[in-house]
Amino acid sequence: MGIHPADAYEYLVKARERLLGWVGGLSQEQYTQEFPIGLRSIRATLVHMASAEWGYVRRLLGEPVPPPQERPFAQHVQGTFAPFAEAWARQAEETRRVLRSIEDWTRPAEYVIPLGGRPRRYRTTAAGIATQLLFHEVHHRAQVMAMLRQLGIPAENLDYSVLMFEPVEG
């Protein structure tokens, strides 16, 4: 028995809310501090995560995906945390709607990404894109958690079982 991608996304949002709660307590200096991991700052890594989600949703819809600097989240590359967090919450609503609307997860999908100036074509399915959307965030979330720990914030315990399983007494 598998889990529907939209249900898996709910876990992602719940974990994201905790992560963003930790980030929301940072100063602007901490939010933008450079680290030798991830995309070098909490802000850059989070903006990348949200922008990628927006792009994966476009791919699920069969729409073209512009380069990151032309996507809606590009405006948050230099901004403060609160407006970014609000924008990502709005994106989450769209992502939920799209994931719930897909009826054929085996539907073929193909897209091109310019890597190092050279276009690279990928072939997958709607399920493959949804899986990448989910795992991509988990990958970068771990980087942000490591940055938070370096700032003295004990960011941990975002396991699926901790957030989604119902505890049983006795």
N, C-alpha and C. Protein backbone atom coordinates (compact mmCIF):
# COMPACT_ATOMS: atom_id res chain seq x y z
N MET A 1 0.85 -1.18 0.00
CA MET A 1 0.00 0.00 0.00
C MET A 1 0.89 1.24 0.00
N GLY A 2 0.66 2.12 -0.94
CA GLY A 2 1.44 3.34 -1.04
C GLY A 2 0.70 4.53 -0.48
N ILE A 3 1.42 5.60 -0.32
CA ILE A 3 0.82 6.83 0.17
C ILE A 3 0.62 7.76 -1.04
N HIS A 4 -0.49 8.42 -1.08
CA HIS A 4 -0.78 9.35 -2.17
C HIS A 4 0.18 10.54 -2.05
N PRO A 5 0.73 11.01 -3.17
CA PRO A 5 1.66 12.15 -3.12
C PRO A 5 1.10 13.37 -2.38
N ALA A 6 -0.19 13.61 -2.49
CA ALA A 6 -0.77 14.77 -1.79
C ALA A 6 -0.72 14.56 -0.28
N ASP A 7 -0.88 13.32 0.18
CA ASP A 7 -0.77 13.05 1.61
C ASP A 7 0.68 13.16 2.08
N ALA A 8 1.62 12.70 1.25
CA ALA A 8 3.03 12.85 1.58
C ALA A 8 3.39 14.34 1.64
N TYR A 9 2.79 15.13 0.77
CA TYR A 9 3.05 16.57 0.77
C TYR A 9 2.59 17.20 2.09
N GLU A 10 1.52 16.70 2.68
CA GLU A 10 1.04 17.25 3.95
C GLU A 10 2.09 17.09 5.04
N TYR A 11 2.80 15.95 5.01
CA TYR A 11 3.92 15.79 5.95
C TYR A 11 4.98 16.86 5.69
N LEU A 12 5.30 17.06 4.42
CA LEU A 12 6.31 18.04 4.05
C LEU A 12 5.94 19.42 4.58
N VAL A 13 4.68 19.79 4.43
CA VAL A 13 4.23 21.11 4.90
C VAL A 13 4.30 21.19 6.42
N LYS A 14 3.95 20.11 7.10
CA LYS A 14 4.00 20.12 8.57
C LYS A 14 5.45 20.27 9.05
N ALA A 15 6.36 19.54 8.42
CA ALA A 15 7.78 19.66 8.77
C ALA A 15 8.29 21.05 8.41
N ARG A 16 7.85 21.56 7.27
CA ARG A 16 8.26 22.90 6.82
C ARG A 16 7.81 23.95 7.82
N GLU A 17 6.61 23.82 8.34
CA GLU A 17 6.11 24.79 9.32
C GLU A 17 7.01 24.85 10.55
N ARG A 18 7.46 23.68 11.01
CA ARG A 18 8.39 23.66 12.16
C ARG A 18 9.71 24.32 11.79
N LEU A 19 10.22 23.96 10.61
CA LEU A 19 11.48 24.53 10.14
C LEU A 19 11.38 26.05 10.04
N LEU A 20 10.31 26.53 9.43
CA LEU A 20 10.14 27.97 9.26
C LEU A 20 9.89 28.66 10.60
N GLY A 21 9.34 27.94 11.56
CA GLY A 21 9.20 28.49 12.91
C GLY A 21 10.57 28.78 13.52
N TRP A 22 11.50 27.86 13.33
CA TRP A 22 12.86 28.10 13.83
C TRP A 22 13.50 29.27 13.08
N VAL A 23 13.33 29.29 11.77
CA VAL A 23 13.94 30.35 10.96
C VAL A 23 13.33 31.71 11.29
N GLY A 24 12.04 31.74 11.57
CA GLY A 24 11.36 33.00 11.87
C GLY A 24 11.91 33.71 13.09
N GLY A 25 12.58 33.00 13.96
CA GLY A 25 13.17 33.61 15.15
C GLY A 25 14.57 34.17 14.93
N LEU A 26 15.09 34.04 13.72
CA LEU A 26 16.44 34.51 13.42
C LEU A 26 16.45 36.01 13.13
N SER A 27 17.59 36.61 13.34
CA SER A 27 17.80 37.99 12.88
C SER A 27 18.06 37.95 11.38
N GLN A 28 17.96 39.08 10.73
CA GLN A 28 18.26 39.15 9.29
C GLN A 28 19.71 38.73 9.04
N GLU A 29 20.58 39.10 9.95
CA GLU A 29 21.99 38.72 9.80
C GLU A 29 22.16 37.20 9.84
N GLN A 30 21.47 36.54 10.76
CA GLN A 30 21.54 35.07 10.82
C GLN A 30 20.89 34.44 9.60
N TYR A 31 19.76 34.99 9.17
CA TYR A 31 19.02 34.48 8.02
C TYR A 31 19.88 34.49 6.76
N THR A 32 20.76 35.47 6.66
CA THR A 32 21.58 35.63 5.46
C THR A 32 23.04 35.23 5.67
N GLN A 33 23.38 34.78 6.85
CA GLN A 33 24.77 34.39 7.14
C GLN A 33 25.24 33.30 6.19
N GLU A 34 26.49 33.38 5.77
CA GLU A 34 27.03 32.37 4.85
C GLU A 34 27.59 31.18 5.61
N PHE A 35 27.34 29.99 5.05
CA PHE A 35 27.83 28.72 5.57
C PHE A 35 28.49 27.97 4.42
N PRO A 36 29.33 27.00 4.74
CA PRO A 36 29.99 26.24 3.67
C PRO A 36 29.16 25.05 3.17
N ILE A 37 27.85 25.10 3.34
CA ILE A 37 26.98 24.00 2.90
C ILE A 37 25.75 24.57 2.19
N GLY A 38 25.01 23.70 1.55
CA GLY A 38 23.77 24.10 0.90
C GLY A 38 24.01 25.16 -0.13
N LEU A 39 23.10 26.09 -0.20
CA LEU A 39 23.26 27.22 -1.13
C LEU A 39 23.89 28.40 -0.39
N ARG A 40 24.61 28.11 0.68
CA ARG A 40 25.47 29.04 1.41
C ARG A 40 24.77 29.92 2.44
N SER A 41 23.45 30.02 2.41
CA SER A 41 22.73 30.73 3.47
C SER A 41 21.35 30.08 3.63
N ILE A 42 20.77 30.33 4.78
CA ILE A 42 19.42 29.81 5.02
C ILE A 42 18.46 30.43 4.02
N ARG A 43 18.56 31.74 3.83
CA ARG A 43 17.66 32.42 2.89
C ARG A 43 17.78 31.83 1.49
N ALA A 44 19.01 31.74 0.97
CA ALA A 44 19.20 31.24 -0.39
C ALA A 44 18.69 29.81 -0.54
N THR A 45 18.91 28.98 0.48
CA THR A 45 18.48 27.60 0.40
C THR A 45 16.95 27.51 0.43
N LEU A 46 16.32 28.26 1.32
CA LEU A 46 14.85 28.24 1.39
C LEU A 46 14.22 28.79 0.12
N VAL A 47 14.75 29.87 -0.41
CA VAL A 47 14.20 30.45 -1.64
C VAL A 47 14.35 29.44 -2.79
N HIS A 48 15.48 28.76 -2.85
CA HIS A 48 15.67 27.72 -3.86
C HIS A 48 14.62 26.62 -3.71
N MET A 49 14.35 26.19 -2.48
CA MET A 49 13.37 25.13 -2.24
C MET A 49 11.99 25.54 -2.74
N ALA A 50 11.57 26.74 -2.39
CA ALA A 50 10.25 27.22 -2.79
C ALA A 50 10.17 27.41 -4.30
N SER A 51 11.21 27.95 -4.88
CA SER A 51 11.24 28.17 -6.32
C SER A 51 11.19 26.84 -7.08
N ALA A 52 11.92 25.85 -6.56
CA ALA A 52 11.89 24.52 -7.19
C ALA A 52 10.49 23.92 -7.10
N GLU A 53 9.84 24.07 -5.95
CA GLU A 53 8.47 23.56 -5.81
C GLU A 53 7.57 24.20 -6.85
N TRP A 54 7.68 25.51 -7.00
CA TRP A 54 6.88 26.21 -8.00
C TRP A 54 7.14 25.61 -9.38
N GLY A 55 8.41 25.34 -9.69
CA GLY A 55 8.76 24.77 -10.99
C GLY A 55 8.22 23.36 -11.18
N TYR A 56 8.30 22.54 -10.15
CA TYR A 56 7.77 21.17 -10.26
C TYR A 56 6.26 21.19 -10.46
N VAL A 57 5.58 22.11 -9.83
CA VAL A 57 4.13 22.23 -10.04
C VAL A 57 3.85 22.62 -11.48
N ARG A 58 4.65 23.54 -12.02
CA ARG A 58 4.47 23.91 -13.45
C ARG A 58 4.64 22.67 -14.33
N ARG A 59 5.64 21.86 -14.03
CA ARG A 59 5.87 20.65 -14.83
C ARG A 59 4.70 19.68 -14.69
N LEU A 60 4.16 19.54 -13.50
CA LEU A 60 2.99 18.68 -13.32
C LEU A 60 1.81 19.18 -14.14
N LEU A 61 1.73 20.48 -14.31
CA LEU A 61 0.65 21.08 -15.11
C LEU A 61 0.96 21.07 -16.61
N GLY A 62 2.16 20.63 -16.97
CA GLY A 62 2.55 20.61 -18.37
C GLY A 62 2.93 21.98 -18.91
N GLU A 63 3.27 22.90 -18.04
CA GLU A 63 3.62 24.26 -18.44
C GLU A 63 5.13 24.42 -18.53
N PRO A 64 5.60 25.38 -19.31
CA PRO A 64 7.04 25.64 -19.36
C PRO A 64 7.53 26.24 -18.04
N VAL A 65 8.79 26.00 -17.73
CA VAL A 65 9.37 26.49 -16.49
C VAL A 65 10.53 27.43 -16.83
N PRO A 66 10.37 28.70 -16.51
CA PRO A 66 11.46 29.65 -16.78
C PRO A 66 12.64 29.41 -15.83
N PRO A 67 13.80 29.97 -16.14
CA PRO A 67 14.94 29.85 -15.23
C PRO A 67 14.62 30.47 -13.87
N PRO A 68 15.32 30.03 -12.82
CA PRO A 68 15.02 30.51 -11.47
C PRO A 68 14.94 32.03 -11.34
N GLN A 69 15.78 32.76 -12.01
CA GLN A 69 15.78 34.23 -11.88
C GLN A 69 14.54 34.87 -12.48
N GLU A 70 13.74 34.10 -13.23
CA GLU A 70 12.50 34.63 -13.81
C GLU A 70 11.25 34.08 -13.13
N ARG A 71 11.42 33.32 -12.08
CA ARG A 71 10.28 32.73 -11.35
C ARG A 71 9.81 33.70 -10.26
N PRO A 72 8.58 33.52 -9.80
CA PRO A 72 8.04 34.43 -8.77
C PRO A 72 8.89 34.53 -7.51
N PHE A 73 9.57 33.47 -7.11
CA PHE A 73 10.34 33.52 -5.87
C PHE A 73 11.65 34.27 -6.00
N ALA A 74 12.03 34.64 -7.21
CA ALA A 74 13.28 35.39 -7.41
C ALA A 74 13.29 36.70 -6.63
N GLN A 75 12.12 37.29 -6.42
CA GLN A 75 12.05 38.55 -5.68
C GLN A 75 12.46 38.40 -4.22
N HIS A 76 12.49 37.17 -3.72
CA HIS A 76 12.83 36.94 -2.31
C HIS A 76 14.31 36.65 -2.09
N VAL A 77 15.09 36.62 -3.15
CA VAL A 77 16.52 36.34 -3.05
C VAL A 77 17.22 37.40 -2.19
N GLN A 78 16.73 38.62 -2.21
CA GLN A 78 17.34 39.70 -1.44
C GLN A 78 16.44 40.20 -0.30
N GLY A 79 15.34 39.54 -0.05
CA GLY A 79 14.37 40.07 0.90
C GLY A 79 14.50 39.56 2.32
N THR A 80 13.47 39.87 3.09
CA THR A 80 13.39 39.43 4.48
C THR A 80 12.53 38.16 4.55
N PHE A 81 12.52 37.55 5.72
CA PHE A 81 11.88 36.25 5.88
C PHE A 81 10.35 36.28 5.78
N ALA A 82 9.68 37.20 6.46
CA ALA A 82 8.22 37.16 6.56
C ALA A 82 7.51 37.16 5.20
N PRO A 83 7.84 38.07 4.28
CA PRO A 83 7.16 38.03 2.98
C PRO A 83 7.43 36.74 2.20
N PHE A 84 8.65 36.23 2.35
CA PHE A 84 8.97 34.96 1.70
C PHE A 84 8.10 33.84 2.26
N ALA A 85 8.01 33.74 3.58
CA ALA A 85 7.22 32.68 4.21
C ALA A 85 5.75 32.76 3.79
N GLU A 86 5.23 33.96 3.68
CA GLU A 86 3.84 34.13 3.22
C GLU A 86 3.68 33.66 1.78
N ALA A 87 4.64 33.96 0.93
CA ALA A 87 4.57 33.54 -0.47
C ALA A 87 4.64 32.02 -0.57
N TRP A 88 5.47 31.39 0.26
CA TRP A 88 5.59 29.93 0.20
C TRP A 88 4.31 29.28 0.71
N ALA A 89 3.67 29.88 1.68
CA ALA A 89 2.39 29.35 2.17
C ALA A 89 1.33 29.40 1.06
N ARG A 90 1.33 30.47 0.28
CA ARG A 90 0.39 30.55 -0.86
C ARG A 90 0.73 29.49 -1.91
N GLN A 91 2.02 29.28 -2.14
CA GLN A 91 2.44 28.25 -3.08
C GLN A 91 1.98 26.87 -2.61
N ALA A 92 2.04 26.63 -1.31
CA ALA A 92 1.62 25.34 -0.76
C ALA A 92 0.16 25.05 -1.09
N GLU A 93 -0.67 26.08 -1.06
CA GLU A 93 -2.08 25.88 -1.41
C GLU A 93 -2.22 25.44 -2.87
N GLU A 94 -1.47 26.06 -3.76
CA GLU A 94 -1.51 25.66 -5.17
C GLU A 94 -0.97 24.24 -5.34
N THR A 95 0.11 23.93 -4.67
CA THR A 95 0.70 22.60 -4.77
C THR A 95 -0.30 21.55 -4.31
N ARG A 96 -0.97 21.80 -3.20
CA ARG A 96 -2.00 20.87 -2.71
C ARG A 96 -3.07 20.63 -3.78
N ARG A 97 -3.57 21.72 -4.36
CA ARG A 97 -4.63 21.59 -5.37
C ARG A 97 -4.16 20.77 -6.57
N VAL A 98 -2.96 21.04 -7.03
CA VAL A 98 -2.45 20.33 -8.20
C VAL A 98 -2.24 18.85 -7.88
N LEU A 99 -1.62 18.55 -6.74
CA LEU A 99 -1.39 17.14 -6.39
C LEU A 99 -2.70 16.38 -6.25
N ARG A 100 -3.72 17.03 -5.70
CA ARG A 100 -5.03 16.37 -5.54
C ARG A 100 -5.75 16.21 -6.89
N SER A 101 -5.41 17.04 -7.86
CA SER A 101 -6.13 17.01 -9.14
C SER A 101 -5.60 15.95 -10.11
N ILE A 102 -4.43 15.43 -9.89
CA ILE A 102 -3.83 14.49 -10.84
C ILE A 102 -4.50 13.13 -10.71
N GLU A 103 -4.98 12.65 -11.84
CA GLU A 103 -5.66 11.35 -11.86
C GLU A 103 -4.78 10.24 -12.41
N ASP A 104 -3.85 10.59 -13.30
CA ASP A 104 -2.98 9.58 -13.91
C ASP A 104 -1.53 9.86 -13.53
N TRP A 105 -1.06 9.17 -12.51
CA TRP A 105 0.31 9.36 -12.04
C TRP A 105 1.33 8.72 -12.97
N THR A 106 0.87 7.88 -13.90
CA THR A 106 1.79 7.24 -14.85
C THR A 106 1.95 8.08 -16.12
N ARG A 107 1.24 9.20 -16.19
CA ARG A 107 1.32 10.07 -17.37
C ARG A 107 2.77 10.47 -17.63
N PRO A 108 3.26 10.26 -18.87
CA PRO A 108 4.65 10.63 -19.18
C PRO A 108 4.86 12.15 -19.09
N ALA A 109 6.05 12.51 -18.70
CA ALA A 109 6.45 13.92 -18.62
C ALA A 109 7.88 14.03 -19.11
N GLU A 110 8.14 15.12 -19.80
CA GLU A 110 9.49 15.37 -20.31
C GLU A 110 9.78 16.85 -20.17
N TYR A 111 11.01 17.17 -19.78
CA TYR A 111 11.37 18.57 -19.67
C TYR A 111 12.88 18.73 -19.87
N VAL A 112 13.27 19.97 -20.10
CA VAL A 112 14.68 20.30 -20.36
C VAL A 112 15.16 21.28 -19.31
N ILE A 113 16.36 21.02 -18.79
CA ILE A 113 17.01 21.93 -17.86
C ILE A 113 18.37 22.28 -18.43
N PRO A 114 18.67 23.57 -18.54
CA PRO A 114 20.02 23.93 -19.00
C PRO A 114 21.02 23.80 -17.86
N LEU A 115 21.89 22.81 -17.94
CA LEU A 115 22.91 22.62 -16.90
C LEU A 115 24.26 23.05 -17.46
N GLY A 116 24.84 24.07 -16.86
CA GLY A 116 26.12 24.57 -17.33
C GLY A 116 26.04 25.09 -18.76
N GLY A 117 24.89 25.66 -19.12
CA GLY A 117 24.72 26.19 -20.47
C GLY A 117 24.36 25.13 -21.50
N ARG A 118 24.35 23.88 -21.09
CA ARG A 118 24.03 22.78 -22.02
C ARG A 118 22.68 22.17 -21.62
N PRO A 119 21.70 22.19 -22.51
CA PRO A 119 20.39 21.64 -22.16
C PRO A 119 20.45 20.13 -21.90
N ARG A 120 19.78 19.72 -20.85
CA ARG A 120 19.69 18.30 -20.51
C ARG A 120 18.22 17.93 -20.43
N ARG A 121 17.83 16.91 -21.20
CA ARG A 121 16.44 16.48 -21.27
C ARG A 121 16.20 15.33 -20.28
N TYR A 122 15.07 15.43 -19.58
CA TYR A 122 14.67 14.39 -18.62
C TYR A 122 13.32 13.83 -19.03
N ARG A 123 13.18 12.52 -18.86
CA ARG A 123 11.92 11.84 -19.10
C ARG A 123 11.50 11.12 -17.82
N THR A 124 10.26 11.32 -17.42
CA THR A 124 9.75 10.69 -16.20
C THR A 124 8.24 10.57 -16.31
N THR A 125 7.58 10.53 -15.19
CA THR A 125 6.12 10.49 -15.12
C THR A 125 5.66 11.57 -14.14
N ALA A 126 4.37 11.77 -14.07
CA ALA A 126 3.83 12.70 -13.07
C ALA A 126 4.26 12.25 -11.67
N ALA A 127 4.23 10.95 -11.41
CA ALA A 127 4.66 10.44 -10.10
C ALA A 127 6.14 10.74 -9.86
N GLY A 128 6.96 10.64 -10.90
CA GLY A 128 8.37 10.95 -10.75
C GLY A 128 8.60 12.41 -10.38
N ILE A 129 7.84 13.30 -11.01
CA ILE A 129 7.97 14.73 -10.69
C ILE A 129 7.52 14.99 -9.25
N ALA A 130 6.41 14.39 -8.85
CA ALA A 130 5.93 14.57 -7.48
C ALA A 130 6.94 14.03 -6.47
N THR A 131 7.54 12.89 -6.78
CA THR A 131 8.55 12.31 -5.89
C THR A 131 9.74 13.24 -5.77
N GLN A 132 10.19 13.80 -6.89
CA GLN A 132 11.30 14.75 -6.86
C GLN A 132 10.93 15.99 -6.05
N LEU A 133 9.72 16.49 -6.21
CA LEU A 133 9.27 17.65 -5.44
C LEU A 133 9.43 17.37 -3.94
N LEU A 134 9.01 16.19 -3.51
CA LEU A 134 9.06 15.83 -2.09
C LEU A 134 10.50 15.64 -1.61
N PHE A 135 11.27 14.83 -2.32
CA PHE A 135 12.62 14.51 -1.86
C PHE A 135 13.57 15.70 -1.98
N HIS A 136 13.35 16.55 -2.96
CA HIS A 136 14.20 17.74 -3.12
C HIS A 136 14.12 18.59 -1.87
N GLU A 137 12.92 18.79 -1.36
CA GLU A 137 12.78 19.61 -0.15
C GLU A 137 13.43 18.95 1.04
N VAL A 138 13.27 17.64 1.18
CA VAL A 138 13.88 16.95 2.33
C VAL A 138 15.40 17.11 2.29
N HIS A 139 15.98 16.98 1.11
CA HIS A 139 17.43 17.14 0.94
C HIS A 139 17.89 18.52 1.42
N HIS A 140 17.25 19.56 0.94
CA HIS A 140 17.66 20.91 1.31
C HIS A 140 17.23 21.27 2.74
N ARG A 141 16.15 20.69 3.21
CA ARG A 141 15.73 20.95 4.59
C ARG A 141 16.83 20.50 5.55
N ALA A 142 17.46 19.38 5.25
CA ALA A 142 18.55 18.89 6.10
C ALA A 142 19.70 19.89 6.13
N GLN A 143 19.97 20.54 5.00
CA GLN A 143 21.02 21.54 4.96
C GLN A 143 20.67 22.74 5.84
N VAL A 144 19.42 23.18 5.75
CA VAL A 144 18.98 24.31 6.57
C VAL A 144 19.05 23.94 8.05
N MET A 145 18.65 22.71 8.37
CA MET A 145 18.72 22.27 9.77
C MET A 145 20.16 22.28 10.28
N ALA A 146 21.10 21.88 9.43
CA ALA A 146 22.51 21.91 9.82
C ALA A 146 22.98 23.35 10.05
N MET A 147 22.53 24.28 9.21
CA MET A 147 22.88 25.69 9.40
C MET A 147 22.29 26.20 10.71
N LEU A 148 21.04 25.84 10.98
CA LEU A 148 20.40 26.28 12.22
C LEU A 148 21.16 25.75 13.44
N ARG A 149 21.60 24.51 13.38
CA ARG A 149 22.36 23.95 14.50
C ARG A 149 23.65 24.72 14.72
N GLN A 150 24.28 25.15 13.62
CA GLN A 150 25.51 25.95 13.76
C GLN A 150 25.22 27.31 14.40
N LEU A 151 23.98 27.75 14.31
CA LEU A 151 23.57 29.00 14.97
C LEU A 151 23.09 28.76 16.41
N GLY A 152 23.16 27.50 16.86
CA GLY A 152 22.77 27.17 18.23
C GLY A 152 21.31 26.81 18.39
N ILE A 153 20.60 26.61 17.30
CA ILE A 153 19.18 26.24 17.38
C ILE A 153 19.07 24.72 17.22
N PRO A 154 18.52 24.02 18.20
CA PRO A 154 18.45 22.55 18.12
C PRO A 154 17.35 22.07 17.17
N ALA A 155 17.58 22.28 15.90
CA ALA A 155 16.59 21.90 14.87
C ALA A 155 16.68 20.39 14.64
N GLU A 156 15.68 19.67 15.11
CA GLU A 156 15.66 18.23 14.90
C GLU A 156 14.26 17.68 15.11
N ASN A 157 14.15 16.38 14.90
CA ASN A 157 12.91 15.64 15.12
C ASN A 157 11.79 16.00 14.15
N LEU A 158 12.11 15.99 12.87
CA LEU A 158 11.10 16.22 11.84
C LEU A 158 10.77 14.92 11.10
N ASP A 159 11.06 13.78 11.74
CA ASP A 159 10.76 12.50 11.11
C ASP A 159 9.27 12.36 10.83
N TYR A 160 8.98 11.65 9.77
CA TYR A 160 7.59 11.39 9.37
C TYR A 160 6.81 10.78 10.53
N SER A 161 7.38 9.77 11.18
CA SER A 161 6.64 9.09 12.26
C SER A 161 6.33 10.03 13.42
N VAL A 162 7.24 10.93 13.72
CA VAL A 162 7.03 11.87 14.82
C VAL A 162 5.89 12.83 14.51
N LEU A 163 5.83 13.28 13.26
CA LEU A 163 4.84 14.29 12.90
C LEU A 163 3.51 13.72 12.43
N MET A 164 3.51 12.50 11.92
CA MET A 164 2.29 12.01 11.27
C MET A 164 1.64 10.79 11.92
N PHE A 165 2.40 10.00 12.68
CA PHE A 165 1.81 8.81 13.29
C PHE A 165 1.05 9.21 14.55
N GLU A 166 -0.02 8.51 14.81
CA GLU A 166 -0.82 8.77 16.00
C GLU A 166 -0.25 7.99 17.18
N PRO A 167 0.15 8.70 18.25
CA PRO A 167 0.70 7.98 19.40
C PRO A 167 -0.40 7.17 20.11
N VAL A 168 -0.01 6.04 20.62
CA VAL A 168 -0.93 5.15 21.32
C VAL A 168 -0.45 5.00 22.75
N GLU A 169 -1.34 5.18 23.70
CA GLU A 169 -1.01 5.03 25.12
C GLU A 169 -0.91 3.55 25.47
N GLY A 170 0.02 3.23 26.37
CA GLY A 170 0.16 1.90 26.93
C GLY A 170 0.75 0.95 26.01
